[in-house]
Amino acid sequence: MMNVYFKKYFWFIAGVIINSFGIALITKANMGTSPITSVAYVLSLKFPLTLGQFSFLMNLVFILLQIILLRRNFKPLQLLQLVVNIIFSYCIDLSMSLLSVFHFDNLISQIIALLLGCIVLGLGISIEVAPDVLMVPGEGLVRAISTVANKRFGTVKVVFDTTLVIIAVIMSFIFWGRLNGLGLGTIVSALFVGHVVNFINRRFPLLPHIRSIA
């Protein structure tokens, strides 16, 4: 049994790490960032904390909101999202640091980096979800809202991501009087990553193996 749990959590953590690298690659393309990190990225451009550090703080809020919404239905196991939050946030900053040697300073290289980032992010999400053990705090909050509101997960996810982007846009105009930290990359990742996830879920042979671990 311990071996089964080890394998499941190994793949889950692997997915989280890949996920964080995809977010960093999208961000480094300098065309915006993914919706889930849009608020954190705008804040990181204004205040002396990194994208990973602001992501960590936001994810703490997401976990707290899950507890408030679900109350007694919040399973103690989901407190492991705190550990996931540490790994996820650290890996975002680590990935940003590793990618700092690359400079995407023309449109073609930016588009390539953006699309690669979306593919990597989609792969990470697919692997992260396959073991069915935990969720990153943002997805956990979406699931909590969908449970309480009795709405489809996908519908709530779209509204959730859209809300984060709107908040980021408002913050951007408050801080600088213009759009900063958001752009085509934010829109593309919002529209494209879901399709990547669906494609990988259908075609990637490793995922059935991960799902079958028992």
N, C-alpha and C. Protein backbone atom coordinates (compact mmCIF):
# COMPACT_ATOMS: atom_id res chain seq x y z
N MET A 1 0.82 -1.21 0.00
CA MET A 1 0.00 0.00 0.00
C MET A 1 0.86 1.26 0.00
N MET A 2 1.92 1.27 0.82
CA MET A 2 2.81 2.43 0.87
C MET A 2 3.46 2.69 -0.48
N ASN A 3 3.77 1.57 -1.18
CA ASN A 3 4.38 1.69 -2.50
C ASN A 3 3.43 2.36 -3.48
N VAL A 4 2.13 2.05 -3.35
CA VAL A 4 1.11 2.65 -4.22
C VAL A 4 1.03 4.15 -3.97
N TYR A 5 0.96 4.54 -2.68
CA TYR A 5 0.89 5.96 -2.34
C TYR A 5 2.13 6.71 -2.81
N PHE A 6 3.29 6.07 -2.65
CA PHE A 6 4.54 6.70 -3.10
C PHE A 6 4.50 6.98 -4.59
N LYS A 7 4.05 6.00 -5.37
CA LYS A 7 3.99 6.18 -6.83
C LYS A 7 2.99 7.28 -7.21
N LYS A 8 1.83 7.26 -6.55
CA LYS A 8 0.82 8.27 -6.86
C LYS A 8 1.33 9.68 -6.57
N TYR A 9 1.93 9.85 -5.40
CA TYR A 9 2.40 11.19 -5.02
C TYR A 9 3.64 11.59 -5.80
N PHE A 10 4.43 10.59 -6.22
CA PHE A 10 5.59 10.89 -7.07
C PHE A 10 5.12 11.53 -8.38
N TRP A 11 4.12 10.93 -9.01
CA TRP A 11 3.63 11.46 -10.27
C TRP A 11 2.90 12.79 -10.08
N PHE A 12 2.21 12.90 -8.96
CA PHE A 12 1.53 14.17 -8.67
C PHE A 12 2.55 15.30 -8.55
N ILE A 13 3.60 15.09 -7.76
CA ILE A 13 4.63 16.11 -7.58
C ILE A 13 5.35 16.40 -8.90
N ALA A 14 5.60 15.35 -9.69
CA ALA A 14 6.22 15.54 -11.00
C ALA A 14 5.36 16.45 -11.87
N GLY A 15 4.05 16.24 -11.83
CA GLY A 15 3.13 17.09 -12.59
C GLY A 15 3.16 18.52 -12.12
N VAL A 16 3.23 18.73 -10.80
CA VAL A 16 3.30 20.07 -10.23
C VAL A 16 4.56 20.79 -10.69
N ILE A 17 5.69 20.08 -10.69
CA ILE A 17 6.97 20.67 -11.11
C ILE A 17 6.93 21.05 -12.59
N ILE A 18 6.40 20.14 -13.43
CA ILE A 18 6.27 20.44 -14.87
C ILE A 18 5.33 21.62 -15.07
N ASN A 19 4.24 21.62 -14.31
CA ASN A 19 3.25 22.70 -14.33
C ASN A 19 3.92 24.05 -14.07
N SER A 20 4.75 24.11 -13.04
CA SER A 20 5.40 25.37 -12.66
C SER A 20 6.38 25.83 -13.74
N PHE A 21 7.06 24.88 -14.39
CA PHE A 21 7.99 25.24 -15.47
C PHE A 21 7.22 25.81 -16.66
N GLY A 22 6.05 25.23 -16.95
CA GLY A 22 5.24 25.74 -18.04
C GLY A 22 4.78 27.17 -17.78
N ILE A 23 4.37 27.46 -16.55
CA ILE A 23 3.95 28.81 -16.18
C ILE A 23 5.12 29.78 -16.35
N ALA A 24 6.31 29.37 -15.89
CA ALA A 24 7.49 30.23 -16.01
C ALA A 24 7.83 30.50 -17.48
N LEU A 25 7.73 29.47 -18.32
CA LEU A 25 8.04 29.64 -19.74
C LEU A 25 7.05 30.57 -20.42
N ILE A 26 5.77 30.44 -20.09
CA ILE A 26 4.76 31.36 -20.63
C ILE A 26 5.07 32.79 -20.20
N THR A 27 5.44 32.96 -18.93
CA THR A 27 5.73 34.29 -18.39
C THR A 27 6.97 34.89 -19.04
N LYS A 28 8.01 34.06 -19.24
CA LYS A 28 9.26 34.54 -19.83
C LYS A 28 9.10 34.92 -21.30
N ALA A 29 8.04 34.43 -21.92
CA ALA A 29 7.79 34.81 -23.32
C ALA A 29 7.47 36.30 -23.43
N ASN A 30 7.21 36.92 -22.28
CA ASN A 30 6.99 38.37 -22.21
C ASN A 30 5.77 38.82 -23.00
N MET A 31 4.75 37.97 -22.95
CA MET A 31 3.49 38.33 -23.61
C MET A 31 2.32 38.18 -22.63
N GLY A 32 2.65 38.24 -21.35
CA GLY A 32 1.65 38.01 -20.32
C GLY A 32 1.95 36.71 -19.60
N THR A 33 1.07 36.29 -18.73
CA THR A 33 1.26 35.05 -17.99
C THR A 33 -0.05 34.27 -17.97
N SER A 34 -0.03 33.10 -17.36
CA SER A 34 -1.25 32.30 -17.32
C SER A 34 -2.28 32.94 -16.39
N PRO A 35 -3.56 32.70 -16.61
CA PRO A 35 -4.60 33.33 -15.77
C PRO A 35 -4.42 33.06 -14.28
N ILE A 36 -4.03 31.84 -13.91
CA ILE A 36 -3.94 31.49 -12.50
C ILE A 36 -2.85 32.29 -11.77
N THR A 37 -1.85 32.76 -12.51
CA THR A 37 -0.77 33.55 -11.89
C THR A 37 -0.83 35.03 -12.28
N SER A 38 -1.91 35.44 -12.94
CA SER A 38 -1.98 36.81 -13.45
C SER A 38 -1.92 37.86 -12.35
N VAL A 39 -2.68 37.64 -11.27
CA VAL A 39 -2.67 38.60 -10.16
C VAL A 39 -1.30 38.61 -9.49
N ALA A 40 -0.74 37.43 -9.24
CA ALA A 40 0.57 37.33 -8.59
C ALA A 40 1.65 38.00 -9.44
N TYR A 41 1.57 37.85 -10.76
CA TYR A 41 2.58 38.44 -11.64
C TYR A 41 2.51 39.97 -11.64
N VAL A 42 1.31 40.51 -11.70
CA VAL A 42 1.16 41.96 -11.65
C VAL A 42 1.70 42.50 -10.32
N LEU A 43 1.39 41.83 -9.23
CA LEU A 43 1.89 42.25 -7.92
C LEU A 43 3.41 42.17 -7.86
N SER A 44 3.99 41.14 -8.49
CA SER A 44 5.45 40.97 -8.46
C SER A 44 6.17 42.07 -9.25
N LEU A 45 5.47 42.65 -10.23
CA LEU A 45 6.05 43.75 -11.01
C LEU A 45 6.02 45.07 -10.23
N LYS A 46 5.14 45.14 -9.24
CA LYS A 46 4.97 46.37 -8.47
C LYS A 46 5.70 46.34 -7.13
N PHE A 47 5.74 45.17 -6.48
CA PHE A 47 6.28 45.07 -5.13
C PHE A 47 7.49 44.13 -5.10
N PRO A 48 8.35 44.27 -4.08
CA PRO A 48 9.61 43.50 -4.03
C PRO A 48 9.46 42.06 -3.55
N LEU A 49 8.55 41.33 -4.15
CA LEU A 49 8.44 39.89 -3.93
C LEU A 49 8.40 39.22 -5.30
N THR A 50 8.84 37.98 -5.38
CA THR A 50 8.89 37.28 -6.66
C THR A 50 7.53 36.73 -7.05
N LEU A 51 7.45 36.26 -8.28
CA LEU A 51 6.22 35.63 -8.77
C LEU A 51 5.87 34.42 -7.90
N GLY A 52 6.88 33.62 -7.58
CA GLY A 52 6.65 32.44 -6.75
C GLY A 52 6.16 32.81 -5.35
N GLN A 53 6.73 33.86 -4.77
CA GLN A 53 6.35 34.28 -3.42
C GLN A 53 4.91 34.80 -3.38
N PHE A 54 4.55 35.59 -4.39
CA PHE A 54 3.16 36.06 -4.44
C PHE A 54 2.20 34.92 -4.75
N SER A 55 2.65 33.97 -5.57
CA SER A 55 1.81 32.79 -5.84
C SER A 55 1.58 32.00 -4.56
N PHE A 56 2.61 31.90 -3.73
CA PHE A 56 2.50 31.20 -2.45
C PHE A 56 1.44 31.87 -1.56
N LEU A 57 1.50 33.20 -1.47
CA LEU A 57 0.55 33.93 -0.64
C LEU A 57 -0.88 33.79 -1.17
N MET A 58 -1.03 33.87 -2.48
CA MET A 58 -2.37 33.73 -3.07
C MET A 58 -2.92 32.33 -2.85
N ASN A 59 -2.05 31.33 -2.96
CA ASN A 59 -2.51 29.96 -2.76
C ASN A 59 -2.92 29.70 -1.31
N LEU A 60 -2.28 30.40 -0.37
CA LEU A 60 -2.72 30.31 1.02
C LEU A 60 -4.16 30.81 1.16
N VAL A 61 -4.46 31.90 0.44
CA VAL A 61 -5.82 32.44 0.45
C VAL A 61 -6.79 31.44 -0.18
N PHE A 62 -6.36 30.79 -1.26
CA PHE A 62 -7.21 29.79 -1.93
C PHE A 62 -7.52 28.63 -0.98
N ILE A 63 -6.53 28.19 -0.21
CA ILE A 63 -6.74 27.08 0.73
C ILE A 63 -7.71 27.52 1.83
N LEU A 64 -7.51 28.72 2.34
CA LEU A 64 -8.39 29.25 3.39
C LEU A 64 -9.83 29.34 2.90
N LEU A 65 -10.02 29.79 1.67
CA LEU A 65 -11.36 29.90 1.10
C LEU A 65 -12.01 28.52 0.94
N GLN A 66 -11.20 27.51 0.62
CA GLN A 66 -11.74 26.14 0.54
C GLN A 66 -12.29 25.70 1.90
N ILE A 67 -11.52 25.99 2.96
CA ILE A 67 -11.95 25.61 4.31
C ILE A 67 -13.24 26.32 4.69
N ILE A 68 -13.33 27.61 4.34
CA ILE A 68 -14.52 28.40 4.66
C ILE A 68 -15.74 27.87 3.90
N LEU A 69 -15.54 27.55 2.61
CA LEU A 69 -16.66 27.11 1.78
C LEU A 69 -17.12 25.70 2.14
N LEU A 70 -16.17 24.80 2.34
CA LEU A 70 -16.53 23.39 2.54
C LEU A 70 -16.81 23.05 4.00
N ARG A 71 -16.23 23.82 4.93
CA ARG A 71 -16.43 23.59 6.36
C ARG A 71 -16.13 22.13 6.72
N ARG A 72 -17.12 21.42 7.24
CA ARG A 72 -16.89 20.05 7.68
C ARG A 72 -16.57 19.10 6.53
N ASN A 73 -16.91 19.50 5.33
CA ASN A 73 -16.63 18.65 4.16
C ASN A 73 -15.20 18.82 3.65
N PHE A 74 -14.47 19.75 4.26
CA PHE A 74 -13.06 19.90 3.88
C PHE A 74 -12.27 18.77 4.53
N LYS A 75 -11.69 17.90 3.71
CA LYS A 75 -10.98 16.73 4.22
C LYS A 75 -9.59 17.13 4.72
N PRO A 76 -9.21 16.68 5.92
CA PRO A 76 -7.89 17.02 6.47
C PRO A 76 -6.73 16.70 5.53
N LEU A 77 -6.91 15.67 4.69
CA LEU A 77 -5.86 15.31 3.73
C LEU A 77 -5.52 16.48 2.82
N GLN A 78 -6.54 17.32 2.53
CA GLN A 78 -6.32 18.44 1.62
C GLN A 78 -5.41 19.52 2.20
N LEU A 79 -5.12 19.41 3.50
CA LEU A 79 -4.14 20.34 4.10
C LEU A 79 -2.75 20.11 3.54
N LEU A 80 -2.56 18.96 2.90
CA LEU A 80 -1.28 18.71 2.20
C LEU A 80 -1.09 19.68 1.04
N GLN A 81 -2.17 20.39 0.68
CA GLN A 81 -2.01 21.44 -0.33
C GLN A 81 -1.01 22.50 0.13
N LEU A 82 -0.82 22.63 1.44
CA LEU A 82 0.18 23.57 1.97
C LEU A 82 1.57 23.15 1.53
N VAL A 83 1.84 21.86 1.57
CA VAL A 83 3.13 21.34 1.11
C VAL A 83 3.27 21.53 -0.40
N VAL A 84 2.18 21.22 -1.09
CA VAL A 84 2.16 21.40 -2.54
C VAL A 84 2.43 22.86 -2.90
N ASN A 85 1.84 23.76 -2.13
CA ASN A 85 2.01 25.20 -2.36
C ASN A 85 3.49 25.60 -2.26
N ILE A 86 4.18 25.06 -1.27
CA ILE A 86 5.60 25.37 -1.09
C ILE A 86 6.40 24.89 -2.30
N ILE A 87 6.15 23.65 -2.71
CA ILE A 87 6.88 23.08 -3.85
C ILE A 87 6.56 23.85 -5.13
N PHE A 88 5.28 24.10 -5.36
CA PHE A 88 4.83 24.78 -6.57
C PHE A 88 5.43 26.18 -6.67
N SER A 89 5.36 26.94 -5.58
CA SER A 89 5.84 28.32 -5.59
C SER A 89 7.36 28.37 -5.74
N TYR A 90 8.05 27.47 -5.05
CA TYR A 90 9.51 27.42 -5.16
C TYR A 90 9.93 27.08 -6.59
N CYS A 91 9.23 26.10 -7.18
CA CYS A 91 9.59 25.67 -8.53
C CYS A 91 9.31 26.74 -9.58
N ILE A 92 8.31 27.59 -9.34
CA ILE A 92 8.08 28.71 -10.25
C ILE A 92 9.28 29.63 -10.26
N ASP A 93 9.76 30.01 -9.07
CA ASP A 93 10.92 30.90 -8.98
C ASP A 93 12.18 30.23 -9.51
N LEU A 94 12.34 28.93 -9.22
CA LEU A 94 13.49 28.20 -9.74
C LEU A 94 13.46 28.16 -11.26
N SER A 95 12.30 27.90 -11.82
CA SER A 95 12.16 27.85 -13.29
C SER A 95 12.41 29.22 -13.91
N MET A 96 11.91 30.28 -13.27
CA MET A 96 12.16 31.64 -13.77
C MET A 96 13.65 31.93 -13.77
N SER A 97 14.34 31.46 -12.72
CA SER A 97 15.79 31.67 -12.62
C SER A 97 16.53 30.89 -13.71
N LEU A 98 16.14 29.64 -13.92
CA LEU A 98 16.79 28.81 -14.93
C LEU A 98 16.59 29.38 -16.34
N LEU A 99 15.42 29.98 -16.55
CA LEU A 99 15.10 30.53 -17.87
C LEU A 99 15.64 31.95 -18.07
N SER A 100 16.25 32.51 -17.03
CA SER A 100 16.74 33.90 -17.13
C SER A 100 17.85 34.07 -18.15
N VAL A 101 18.52 32.97 -18.53
CA VAL A 101 19.60 33.05 -19.52
C VAL A 101 19.04 33.20 -20.93
N PHE A 102 17.75 32.93 -21.09
CA PHE A 102 17.12 33.04 -22.41
C PHE A 102 16.43 34.40 -22.54
N HIS A 103 16.57 35.00 -23.70
CA HIS A 103 15.94 36.29 -23.95
C HIS A 103 15.09 36.20 -25.22
N PHE A 104 13.81 36.24 -25.03
CA PHE A 104 12.88 36.17 -26.16
C PHE A 104 12.53 37.60 -26.56
N ASP A 105 13.36 38.15 -27.44
CA ASP A 105 13.24 39.58 -27.73
C ASP A 105 12.70 39.88 -29.12
N ASN A 106 12.15 38.88 -29.79
CA ASN A 106 11.44 39.16 -31.05
C ASN A 106 10.16 38.34 -31.06
N LEU A 107 9.24 38.74 -31.91
CA LEU A 107 7.90 38.17 -31.89
C LEU A 107 7.89 36.67 -32.12
N ILE A 108 8.71 36.20 -33.07
CA ILE A 108 8.72 34.77 -33.39
C ILE A 108 9.16 33.94 -32.19
N SER A 109 10.26 34.36 -31.55
CA SER A 109 10.76 33.62 -30.38
C SER A 109 9.78 33.69 -29.22
N GLN A 110 9.09 34.81 -29.09
CA GLN A 110 8.08 34.95 -28.03
C GLN A 110 6.91 34.00 -28.25
N ILE A 111 6.46 33.91 -29.49
CA ILE A 111 5.34 33.03 -29.81
C ILE A 111 5.73 31.57 -29.60
N ILE A 112 6.95 31.21 -30.02
CA ILE A 112 7.42 29.83 -29.83
C ILE A 112 7.49 29.49 -28.34
N ALA A 113 8.07 30.42 -27.55
CA ALA A 113 8.17 30.20 -26.10
C ALA A 113 6.79 30.09 -25.47
N LEU A 114 5.87 30.93 -25.91
CA LEU A 114 4.51 30.91 -25.38
C LEU A 114 3.83 29.58 -25.66
N LEU A 115 3.90 29.11 -26.91
CA LEU A 115 3.25 27.85 -27.28
C LEU A 115 3.89 26.67 -26.58
N LEU A 116 5.23 26.67 -26.48
CA LEU A 116 5.92 25.60 -25.75
C LEU A 116 5.49 25.60 -24.28
N GLY A 117 5.38 26.82 -23.73
CA GLY A 117 4.94 26.95 -22.34
C GLY A 117 3.55 26.37 -22.14
N CYS A 118 2.65 26.64 -23.07
CA CYS A 118 1.28 26.12 -22.98
C CYS A 118 1.27 24.59 -23.06
N ILE A 119 2.11 24.03 -23.93
CA ILE A 119 2.20 22.58 -24.07
C ILE A 119 2.75 21.95 -22.79
N VAL A 120 3.82 22.55 -22.25
CA VAL A 120 4.41 22.04 -21.01
C VAL A 120 3.41 22.14 -19.86
N LEU A 121 2.71 23.27 -19.77
CA LEU A 121 1.71 23.46 -18.72
C LEU A 121 0.59 22.43 -18.84
N GLY A 122 0.13 22.20 -20.06
CA GLY A 122 -0.91 21.20 -20.29
C GLY A 122 -0.46 19.81 -19.89
N LEU A 123 0.80 19.48 -20.20
CA LEU A 123 1.36 18.18 -19.82
C LEU A 123 1.41 18.06 -18.30
N GLY A 124 1.86 19.13 -17.64
CA GLY A 124 1.95 19.12 -16.19
C GLY A 124 0.60 18.92 -15.53
N ILE A 125 -0.40 19.62 -16.04
CA ILE A 125 -1.75 19.50 -15.48
C ILE A 125 -2.28 18.07 -15.65
N SER A 126 -2.07 17.49 -16.83
CA SER A 126 -2.54 16.13 -17.09
C SER A 126 -1.90 15.12 -16.15
N ILE A 127 -0.59 15.23 -15.96
CA ILE A 127 0.12 14.31 -15.07
C ILE A 127 -0.27 14.54 -13.62
N GLU A 128 -0.45 15.80 -13.25
CA GLU A 128 -0.82 16.16 -11.88
C GLU A 128 -2.18 15.59 -11.49
N VAL A 129 -3.11 15.61 -12.42
CA VAL A 129 -4.49 15.17 -12.14
C VAL A 129 -4.62 13.64 -12.19
N ALA A 130 -3.79 12.98 -13.01
CA ALA A 130 -3.94 11.54 -13.26
C ALA A 130 -3.92 10.67 -12.01
N PRO A 131 -3.06 10.91 -11.00
CA PRO A 131 -3.04 10.02 -9.82
C PRO A 131 -4.27 10.17 -8.93
N ASP A 132 -5.00 11.28 -9.07
CA ASP A 132 -6.23 11.52 -8.30
C ASP A 132 -5.97 11.48 -6.78
N VAL A 133 -4.98 12.26 -6.34
CA VAL A 133 -4.68 12.31 -4.90
C VAL A 133 -4.93 13.70 -4.30
N LEU A 134 -4.38 14.71 -4.92
CA LEU A 134 -4.53 16.08 -4.44
C LEU A 134 -4.76 17.00 -5.62
N MET A 135 -4.97 18.28 -5.33
CA MET A 135 -5.05 19.30 -6.36
C MET A 135 -4.22 20.48 -5.89
N VAL A 136 -3.69 21.24 -6.83
CA VAL A 136 -3.04 22.49 -6.43
C VAL A 136 -4.13 23.42 -5.89
N PRO A 137 -3.78 24.37 -5.00
CA PRO A 137 -4.80 25.17 -4.31
C PRO A 137 -5.81 25.87 -5.23
N GLY A 138 -5.34 26.39 -6.37
CA GLY A 138 -6.26 27.08 -7.27
C GLY A 138 -7.34 26.15 -7.80
N GLU A 139 -6.93 24.95 -8.23
CA GLU A 139 -7.90 23.97 -8.73
C GLU A 139 -8.77 23.46 -7.59
N GLY A 140 -8.17 23.36 -6.39
CA GLY A 140 -8.95 22.94 -5.23
C GLY A 140 -10.07 23.91 -4.90
N LEU A 141 -9.78 25.20 -5.03
CA LEU A 141 -10.81 26.22 -4.78
C LEU A 141 -11.91 26.15 -5.83
N VAL A 142 -11.52 25.93 -7.08
CA VAL A 142 -12.52 25.78 -8.15
C VAL A 142 -13.44 24.61 -7.84
N ARG A 143 -12.85 23.49 -7.40
CA ARG A 143 -13.66 22.32 -7.06
C ARG A 143 -14.59 22.61 -5.89
N ALA A 144 -14.08 23.36 -4.89
CA ALA A 144 -14.91 23.71 -3.73
C ALA A 144 -16.10 24.57 -4.14
N ILE A 145 -15.84 25.56 -5.00
CA ILE A 145 -16.91 26.44 -5.46
C ILE A 145 -17.94 25.65 -6.27
N SER A 146 -17.45 24.76 -7.14
CA SER A 146 -18.37 23.98 -7.96
C SER A 146 -19.22 23.05 -7.10
N THR A 147 -18.65 22.54 -6.00
CA THR A 147 -19.39 21.66 -5.10
C THR A 147 -20.48 22.43 -4.36
N VAL A 148 -20.11 23.59 -3.82
CA VAL A 148 -21.06 24.40 -3.04
C VAL A 148 -22.15 24.98 -3.94
N ALA A 149 -21.76 25.45 -5.12
CA ALA A 149 -22.71 26.09 -6.03
C ALA A 149 -23.45 25.09 -6.91
N ASN A 150 -22.99 23.82 -6.85
CA ASN A 150 -23.60 22.76 -7.67
C ASN A 150 -23.52 23.11 -9.16
N LYS A 151 -22.34 23.58 -9.55
CA LYS A 151 -22.08 23.91 -10.96
C LYS A 151 -20.94 23.04 -11.48
N ARG A 152 -20.88 22.90 -12.80
CA ARG A 152 -19.84 22.10 -13.40
C ARG A 152 -18.46 22.68 -13.13
N PHE A 153 -17.48 21.78 -12.91
CA PHE A 153 -16.10 22.21 -12.64
C PHE A 153 -15.57 23.10 -13.76
N GLY A 154 -15.79 22.67 -15.01
CA GLY A 154 -15.27 23.43 -16.15
C GLY A 154 -15.86 24.82 -16.24
N THR A 155 -17.15 24.94 -15.94
CA THR A 155 -17.82 26.24 -15.98
C THR A 155 -17.24 27.17 -14.92
N VAL A 156 -17.08 26.64 -13.70
CA VAL A 156 -16.52 27.43 -12.60
C VAL A 156 -15.08 27.81 -12.91
N LYS A 157 -14.33 26.91 -13.54
CA LYS A 157 -12.93 27.17 -13.88
C LYS A 157 -12.81 28.37 -14.82
N VAL A 158 -13.67 28.43 -15.81
CA VAL A 158 -13.65 29.54 -16.76
C VAL A 158 -13.96 30.86 -16.03
N VAL A 159 -14.99 30.85 -15.19
CA VAL A 159 -15.36 32.05 -14.44
C VAL A 159 -14.24 32.45 -13.49
N PHE A 160 -13.64 31.48 -12.83
CA PHE A 160 -12.56 31.72 -11.87
C PHE A 160 -11.36 32.37 -12.57
N ASP A 161 -10.91 31.77 -13.67
CA ASP A 161 -9.76 32.32 -14.40
C ASP A 161 -10.06 33.71 -14.94
N THR A 162 -11.26 33.89 -15.46
CA THR A 162 -11.66 35.20 -15.99
C THR A 162 -11.66 36.26 -14.89
N THR A 163 -12.14 35.87 -13.71
CA THR A 163 -12.17 36.80 -12.58
C THR A 163 -10.76 37.22 -12.17
N LEU A 164 -9.84 36.26 -12.14
CA LEU A 164 -8.45 36.57 -11.78
C LEU A 164 -7.83 37.55 -12.79
N VAL A 165 -8.09 37.31 -14.06
CA VAL A 165 -7.55 38.19 -15.10
C VAL A 165 -8.14 39.60 -14.97
N ILE A 166 -9.44 39.69 -14.72
CA ILE A 166 -10.08 41.01 -14.55
C ILE A 166 -9.46 41.75 -13.35
N ILE A 167 -9.25 41.03 -12.25
CA ILE A 167 -8.62 41.65 -11.07
C ILE A 167 -7.22 42.13 -11.42
N ALA A 168 -6.48 41.31 -12.17
CA ALA A 168 -5.11 41.69 -12.57
C ALA A 168 -5.12 42.92 -13.46
N VAL A 169 -6.09 42.99 -14.38
CA VAL A 169 -6.21 44.16 -15.26
C VAL A 169 -6.49 45.41 -14.45
N ILE A 170 -7.43 45.33 -13.52
CA ILE A 170 -7.77 46.48 -12.67
C ILE A 170 -6.55 46.94 -11.87
N MET A 171 -5.82 45.99 -11.28
CA MET A 171 -4.61 46.32 -10.53
C MET A 171 -3.58 47.00 -11.41
N SER A 172 -3.43 46.49 -12.62
CA SER A 172 -2.46 47.05 -13.56
C SER A 172 -2.75 48.52 -13.85
N PHE A 173 -4.01 48.83 -14.07
CA PHE A 173 -4.38 50.22 -14.36
C PHE A 173 -4.26 51.10 -13.12
N ILE A 174 -4.52 50.52 -11.95
CA ILE A 174 -4.35 51.29 -10.71
C ILE A 174 -2.87 51.62 -10.49
N PHE A 175 -2.00 50.64 -10.72
CA PHE A 175 -0.57 50.82 -10.44
C PHE A 175 0.13 51.68 -11.49
N TRP A 176 -0.19 51.46 -12.77
CA TRP A 176 0.57 52.11 -13.84
C TRP A 176 -0.28 52.94 -14.80
N GLY A 177 -1.59 52.86 -14.70
CA GLY A 177 -2.44 53.58 -15.62
C GLY A 177 -2.49 52.97 -17.00
N ARG A 178 -2.01 51.73 -17.10
CA ARG A 178 -1.99 51.02 -18.39
C ARG A 178 -1.90 49.53 -18.11
N LEU A 179 -2.01 48.74 -19.18
CA LEU A 179 -1.90 47.29 -19.05
C LEU A 179 -0.45 46.91 -18.92
N ASN A 180 -0.11 46.16 -17.88
CA ASN A 180 1.27 45.73 -17.66
C ASN A 180 1.27 44.33 -17.06
N GLY A 181 2.03 43.43 -17.66
CA GLY A 181 2.11 42.06 -17.17
C GLY A 181 1.06 41.14 -17.74
N LEU A 182 0.16 41.67 -18.55
CA LEU A 182 -0.88 40.88 -19.20
C LEU A 182 -0.85 41.18 -20.68
N GLY A 183 -1.26 40.19 -21.47
CA GLY A 183 -1.25 40.43 -22.91
C GLY A 183 -1.75 39.22 -23.66
N LEU A 184 -1.26 39.08 -24.89
CA LEU A 184 -1.71 38.00 -25.77
C LEU A 184 -1.46 36.64 -25.12
N GLY A 185 -0.34 36.51 -24.41
CA GLY A 185 0.00 35.24 -23.78
C GLY A 185 -1.04 34.80 -22.78
N THR A 186 -1.64 35.74 -22.06
CA THR A 186 -2.68 35.43 -21.08
C THR A 186 -3.91 34.85 -21.78
N ILE A 187 -4.28 35.47 -22.88
CA ILE A 187 -5.45 35.02 -23.64
C ILE A 187 -5.19 33.66 -24.27
N VAL A 188 -4.01 33.52 -24.91
CA VAL A 188 -3.67 32.26 -25.59
C VAL A 188 -3.63 31.11 -24.59
N SER A 189 -2.98 31.32 -23.44
CA SER A 189 -2.88 30.24 -22.46
C SER A 189 -4.26 29.87 -21.92
N ALA A 190 -5.12 30.87 -21.74
CA ALA A 190 -6.47 30.61 -21.25
C ALA A 190 -7.26 29.75 -22.24
N LEU A 191 -7.07 29.99 -23.53
CA LEU A 191 -7.83 29.30 -24.56
C LEU A 191 -7.18 27.99 -25.02
N PHE A 192 -5.85 27.92 -24.95
CA PHE A 192 -5.10 26.83 -25.60
C PHE A 192 -4.79 25.68 -24.65
N VAL A 193 -4.50 25.99 -23.38
CA VAL A 193 -4.02 24.95 -22.46
C VAL A 193 -5.05 23.85 -22.27
N GLY A 194 -6.33 24.21 -22.17
CA GLY A 194 -7.38 23.20 -22.00
C GLY A 194 -7.41 22.21 -23.14
N HIS A 195 -7.20 22.70 -24.36
CA HIS A 195 -7.18 21.81 -25.53
C HIS A 195 -5.95 20.90 -25.49
N VAL A 196 -4.82 21.44 -25.02
CA VAL A 196 -3.62 20.63 -24.88
C VAL A 196 -3.85 19.51 -23.88
N VAL A 197 -4.50 19.85 -22.76
CA VAL A 197 -4.80 18.84 -21.74
C VAL A 197 -5.69 17.74 -22.32
N ASN A 198 -6.71 18.13 -23.05
CA ASN A 198 -7.62 17.14 -23.66
C ASN A 198 -6.87 16.24 -24.63
N PHE A 199 -5.99 16.82 -25.44
CA PHE A 199 -5.22 16.04 -26.41
C PHE A 199 -4.29 15.06 -25.71
N ILE A 200 -3.58 15.55 -24.68
CA ILE A 200 -2.64 14.69 -23.95
C ILE A 200 -3.39 13.58 -23.23
N ASN A 201 -4.53 13.91 -22.66
CA ASN A 201 -5.32 12.89 -21.96
C ASN A 201 -5.77 11.76 -22.90
N ARG A 202 -5.97 12.10 -24.18
CA ARG A 202 -6.40 11.09 -25.16
C ARG A 202 -5.21 10.31 -25.73
N ARG A 203 -4.07 10.97 -25.92
CA ARG A 203 -2.99 10.38 -26.72
C ARG A 203 -1.74 9.98 -25.94
N PHE A 204 -1.52 10.54 -24.75
CA PHE A 204 -0.27 10.29 -24.05
C PHE A 204 -0.34 8.94 -23.33
N PRO A 205 0.47 7.94 -23.76
CA PRO A 205 0.33 6.58 -23.23
C PRO A 205 0.69 6.43 -21.76
N LEU A 206 1.43 7.38 -21.19
CA LEU A 206 1.82 7.27 -19.80
C LEU A 206 0.64 7.47 -18.83
N LEU A 207 -0.33 8.28 -19.22
CA LEU A 207 -1.42 8.63 -18.31
C LEU A 207 -2.28 7.44 -17.87
N PRO A 208 -2.67 6.53 -18.79
CA PRO A 208 -3.41 5.35 -18.32
C PRO A 208 -2.62 4.54 -17.29
N HIS A 209 -1.31 4.49 -17.48
CA HIS A 209 -0.46 3.76 -16.51
C HIS A 209 -0.52 4.43 -15.14
N ILE A 210 -0.45 5.77 -15.11
CA ILE A 210 -0.50 6.49 -13.84
C ILE A 210 -1.86 6.29 -13.18
N ARG A 211 -2.93 6.38 -13.97
CA ARG A 211 -4.28 6.23 -13.44
C ARG A 211 -4.53 4.83 -12.87
N SER A 212 -3.84 3.85 -13.43
CA SER A 212 -4.10 2.45 -13.04
C SER A 212 -3.32 2.03 -11.80
N ILE A 213 -2.48 2.92 -11.26
CA ILE A 213 -1.69 2.56 -10.07
C ILE A 213 -2.64 2.29 -8.92
N ALA A 214 -2.57 1.10 -8.37
CA ALA A 214 -3.47 0.72 -7.27
C ALA A 214 -2.90 -0.44 -6.47
